[in-house]
């Protein structure tokens, strides 16, 4: 996985995470995990998905920005 931090196969109930997350701050790792688990409730990126994610993690936007800023893909 070189272009995503994680993915969720809703049908097969499988989550996959990028190995590069090991280099990310724990707040970013938590964000990716919460994001992917939220797909089991809302399988798309609708407003309902982000509302649900915000219930679990109110500061998800800040964590996402931190993850993007750190660029932990190793590039």
N, C-alpha and C. Protein backbone atom coordinates (compact mmCIF):
# COMPACT_ATOMS: atom_id res chain seq x y z
N UNK A 1 0.86 -1.17 0.00
CA UNK A 1 0.00 0.00 0.00
C UNK A 1 0.90 1.24 0.00
N UNK A 2 0.87 1.97 -1.10
CA UNK A 2 1.77 3.12 -1.20
C UNK A 2 1.05 4.46 -1.33
N UNK A 3 -0.25 4.43 -1.49
CA UNK A 3 -0.95 5.71 -1.66
C UNK A 3 -2.06 5.93 -0.64
N UNK A 4 -2.25 4.98 0.25
CA UNK A 4 -3.29 5.11 1.27
C UNK A 4 -2.73 4.70 2.63
N UNK A 5 -3.29 5.26 3.66
CA UNK A 5 -2.89 4.90 5.02
C UNK A 5 -3.61 3.65 5.50
N UNK A 6 -4.80 3.44 4.97
CA UNK A 6 -5.57 2.27 5.37
C UNK A 6 -6.71 2.05 4.40
N UNK A 7 -7.31 0.87 4.51
CA UNK A 7 -8.49 0.59 3.70
C UNK A 7 -9.39 -0.37 4.46
N UNK A 8 -10.64 -0.34 4.07
CA UNK A 8 -11.64 -1.19 4.71
C UNK A 8 -12.39 -1.94 3.63
N UNK A 9 -12.39 -3.25 3.73
CA UNK A 9 -13.22 -4.07 2.87
C UNK A 9 -14.48 -4.38 3.68
N UNK A 10 -15.50 -3.59 3.45
CA UNK A 10 -16.74 -3.67 4.23
C UNK A 10 -17.38 -5.05 4.14
N UNK A 11 -17.41 -5.62 2.96
CA UNK A 11 -18.08 -6.90 2.75
C UNK A 11 -17.36 -8.02 3.48
N UNK A 12 -16.03 -8.07 3.35
CA UNK A 12 -15.25 -9.15 3.97
C UNK A 12 -14.86 -8.84 5.41
N UNK A 13 -15.17 -7.61 5.88
CA UNK A 13 -14.85 -7.19 7.26
C UNK A 13 -13.34 -7.25 7.52
N UNK A 14 -12.57 -6.70 6.56
CA UNK A 14 -11.11 -6.70 6.68
C UNK A 14 -10.60 -5.27 6.63
N UNK A 15 -9.75 -4.93 7.59
CA UNK A 15 -9.05 -3.65 7.59
C UNK A 15 -7.60 -3.92 7.23
N UNK A 16 -7.03 -3.04 6.40
CA UNK A 16 -5.63 -3.13 6.01
C UNK A 16 -4.99 -1.78 6.29
N UNK A 17 -3.77 -1.82 6.84
CA UNK A 17 -3.07 -0.58 7.18
C UNK A 17 -1.70 -0.54 6.53
N UNK A 18 -1.28 0.65 6.17
CA UNK A 18 0.02 0.89 5.57
C UNK A 18 1.11 0.70 6.61
N UNK A 19 2.15 -0.05 6.27
CA UNK A 19 3.26 -0.27 7.20
C UNK A 19 3.95 1.03 7.60
N UNK A 20 3.89 2.05 6.75
CA UNK A 20 4.54 3.33 7.05
C UNK A 20 3.92 4.03 8.25
N UNK A 21 2.74 3.60 8.68
CA UNK A 21 2.12 4.20 9.87
C UNK A 21 3.00 4.05 11.10
N UNK A 22 3.90 3.08 11.08
CA UNK A 22 4.79 2.87 12.22
C UNK A 22 5.64 4.11 12.49
N UNK A 23 5.85 4.93 11.45
CA UNK A 23 6.64 6.16 11.58
C UNK A 23 5.81 7.38 11.95
N UNK A 24 4.51 7.22 12.00
CA UNK A 24 3.62 8.35 12.27
C UNK A 24 3.42 8.54 13.77
N UNK A 25 3.14 9.77 14.17
CA UNK A 25 2.80 10.01 15.58
C UNK A 25 1.54 9.21 15.96
N UNK A 26 1.45 8.82 17.22
CA UNK A 26 0.35 7.98 17.69
C UNK A 26 -1.01 8.62 17.41
N UNK A 27 -1.09 9.94 17.48
CA UNK A 27 -2.37 10.62 17.18
C UNK A 27 -2.82 10.35 15.75
N UNK A 28 -1.86 10.26 14.85
CA UNK A 28 -2.18 9.99 13.45
C UNK A 28 -2.59 8.53 13.25
N UNK A 29 -1.90 7.64 13.92
CA UNK A 29 -2.24 6.21 13.85
C UNK A 29 -3.66 6.01 14.36
N UNK A 30 -3.98 6.63 15.48
CA UNK A 30 -5.34 6.53 16.04
C UNK A 30 -6.37 7.05 15.04
N UNK A 31 -6.06 8.15 14.38
CA UNK A 31 -6.99 8.72 13.39
C UNK A 31 -7.27 7.70 12.29
N UNK A 32 -6.23 7.10 11.73
CA UNK A 32 -6.41 6.14 10.64
C UNK A 32 -7.24 4.95 11.11
N UNK A 33 -6.97 4.46 12.29
CA UNK A 33 -7.71 3.32 12.83
C UNK A 33 -9.19 3.67 13.01
N UNK A 34 -9.46 4.82 13.63
CA UNK A 34 -10.85 5.24 13.83
C UNK A 34 -11.54 5.44 12.49
N UNK A 35 -10.83 6.06 11.54
CA UNK A 35 -11.39 6.31 10.22
C UNK A 35 -11.82 4.99 9.57
N UNK A 36 -10.93 4.02 9.58
CA UNK A 36 -11.25 2.74 8.93
C UNK A 36 -12.35 1.98 9.66
N UNK A 37 -12.33 1.98 10.98
CA UNK A 37 -13.40 1.30 11.72
C UNK A 37 -14.75 1.97 11.49
N UNK A 38 -14.77 3.27 11.29
CA UNK A 38 -16.03 3.98 11.04
C UNK A 38 -16.68 3.50 9.75
N UNK A 39 -15.87 2.99 8.81
CA UNK A 39 -16.43 2.45 7.57
C UNK A 39 -17.32 1.23 7.81
N UNK A 40 -17.18 0.57 8.94
CA UNK A 40 -18.09 -0.54 9.25
C UNK A 40 -19.48 -0.03 9.59
N UNK A 41 -19.58 1.23 9.97
CA UNK A 41 -20.87 1.85 10.27
C UNK A 41 -21.40 2.57 9.03
N UNK A 42 -20.52 3.32 8.38
CA UNK A 42 -20.85 4.06 7.16
C UNK A 42 -19.80 3.71 6.10
N UNK A 43 -20.15 2.92 5.09
CA UNK A 43 -19.14 2.44 4.16
C UNK A 43 -18.58 3.48 3.18
N UNK A 44 -19.17 4.66 3.10
CA UNK A 44 -18.67 5.68 2.16
C UNK A 44 -18.18 6.90 2.93
N UNK A 45 -17.78 7.93 2.20
CA UNK A 45 -17.30 9.16 2.82
C UNK A 45 -18.39 10.25 2.77
N UNK A 46 -19.56 9.89 3.16
CA UNK A 46 -20.68 10.83 3.17
C UNK A 46 -20.59 11.76 4.39
N UNK A 47 -21.47 12.72 4.43
CA UNK A 47 -21.55 13.61 5.61
C UNK A 47 -21.84 12.79 6.87
N UNK A 48 -22.68 11.78 6.72
CA UNK A 48 -23.01 10.91 7.84
C UNK A 48 -21.77 10.20 8.37
N UNK A 49 -20.88 9.77 7.45
CA UNK A 49 -19.63 9.14 7.85
C UNK A 49 -18.81 10.09 8.73
N UNK A 50 -18.62 11.32 8.25
CA UNK A 50 -17.79 12.27 8.98
C UNK A 50 -18.44 12.71 10.30
N UNK A 51 -19.75 12.77 10.33
CA UNK A 51 -20.44 13.04 11.59
C UNK A 51 -20.20 11.92 12.60
N UNK A 52 -20.24 10.69 12.12
CA UNK A 52 -19.99 9.54 12.98
C UNK A 52 -18.54 9.55 13.46
N UNK A 53 -17.61 9.81 12.56
CA UNK A 53 -16.19 9.87 12.93
C UNK A 53 -15.98 10.96 13.99
N UNK A 54 -16.63 12.09 13.84
CA UNK A 54 -16.50 13.18 14.80
C UNK A 54 -17.05 12.82 16.17
N UNK A 55 -18.03 11.93 16.21
CA UNK A 55 -18.54 11.47 17.51
C UNK A 55 -17.48 10.67 18.25
N UNK A 56 -16.73 9.86 17.52
CA UNK A 56 -15.66 9.06 18.12
C UNK A 56 -14.41 9.89 18.40
N UNK A 57 -14.10 10.80 17.47
CA UNK A 57 -12.85 11.54 17.52
C UNK A 57 -13.13 12.98 17.07
N UNK A 58 -13.50 13.85 18.01
CA UNK A 58 -13.86 15.22 17.64
C UNK A 58 -12.75 16.00 16.94
N UNK A 59 -11.49 15.65 17.18
CA UNK A 59 -10.38 16.39 16.57
C UNK A 59 -9.80 15.67 15.35
N UNK A 60 -10.60 14.89 14.66
CA UNK A 60 -10.09 14.11 13.53
C UNK A 60 -9.48 14.97 12.45
N UNK A 61 -10.00 16.16 12.21
CA UNK A 61 -9.47 17.02 11.15
C UNK A 61 -8.04 17.46 11.46
N UNK A 62 -7.78 17.80 12.71
CA UNK A 62 -6.44 18.20 13.11
C UNK A 62 -5.46 17.03 12.96
N UNK A 63 -5.92 15.84 13.34
CA UNK A 63 -5.08 14.65 13.23
C UNK A 63 -4.79 14.32 11.77
N UNK A 64 -5.80 14.48 10.92
CA UNK A 64 -5.60 14.22 9.49
C UNK A 64 -4.58 15.19 8.92
N UNK A 65 -4.69 16.46 9.28
CA UNK A 65 -3.72 17.45 8.80
C UNK A 65 -2.31 17.13 9.29
N UNK A 66 -2.20 16.67 10.54
CA UNK A 66 -0.90 16.29 11.09
C UNK A 66 -0.31 15.13 10.29
N UNK A 67 -1.13 14.16 9.95
CA UNK A 67 -0.68 13.01 9.18
C UNK A 67 -0.19 13.44 7.80
N UNK A 68 -0.96 14.30 7.15
CA UNK A 68 -0.58 14.78 5.82
C UNK A 68 0.70 15.62 5.88
N UNK A 69 0.83 16.42 6.92
CA UNK A 69 2.00 17.28 7.08
C UNK A 69 3.26 16.44 7.31
N UNK A 70 3.15 15.38 8.09
CA UNK A 70 4.31 14.56 8.41
C UNK A 70 4.76 13.67 7.25
N UNK A 71 3.89 13.39 6.30
CA UNK A 71 4.22 12.58 5.13
C UNK A 71 5.08 11.37 5.51
N UNK A 72 4.53 10.50 6.27
CA UNK A 72 5.26 9.34 6.82
C UNK A 72 5.37 8.19 5.85
N UNK A 73 5.10 8.40 4.55
CA UNK A 73 5.23 7.33 3.57
C UNK A 73 6.69 6.94 3.34
N UNK A 74 7.61 7.78 3.78
CA UNK A 74 9.01 7.48 3.57
C UNK A 74 9.53 7.94 2.23
N UNK A 75 8.79 8.83 1.59
CA UNK A 75 9.20 9.35 0.27
C UNK A 75 10.25 10.42 0.43
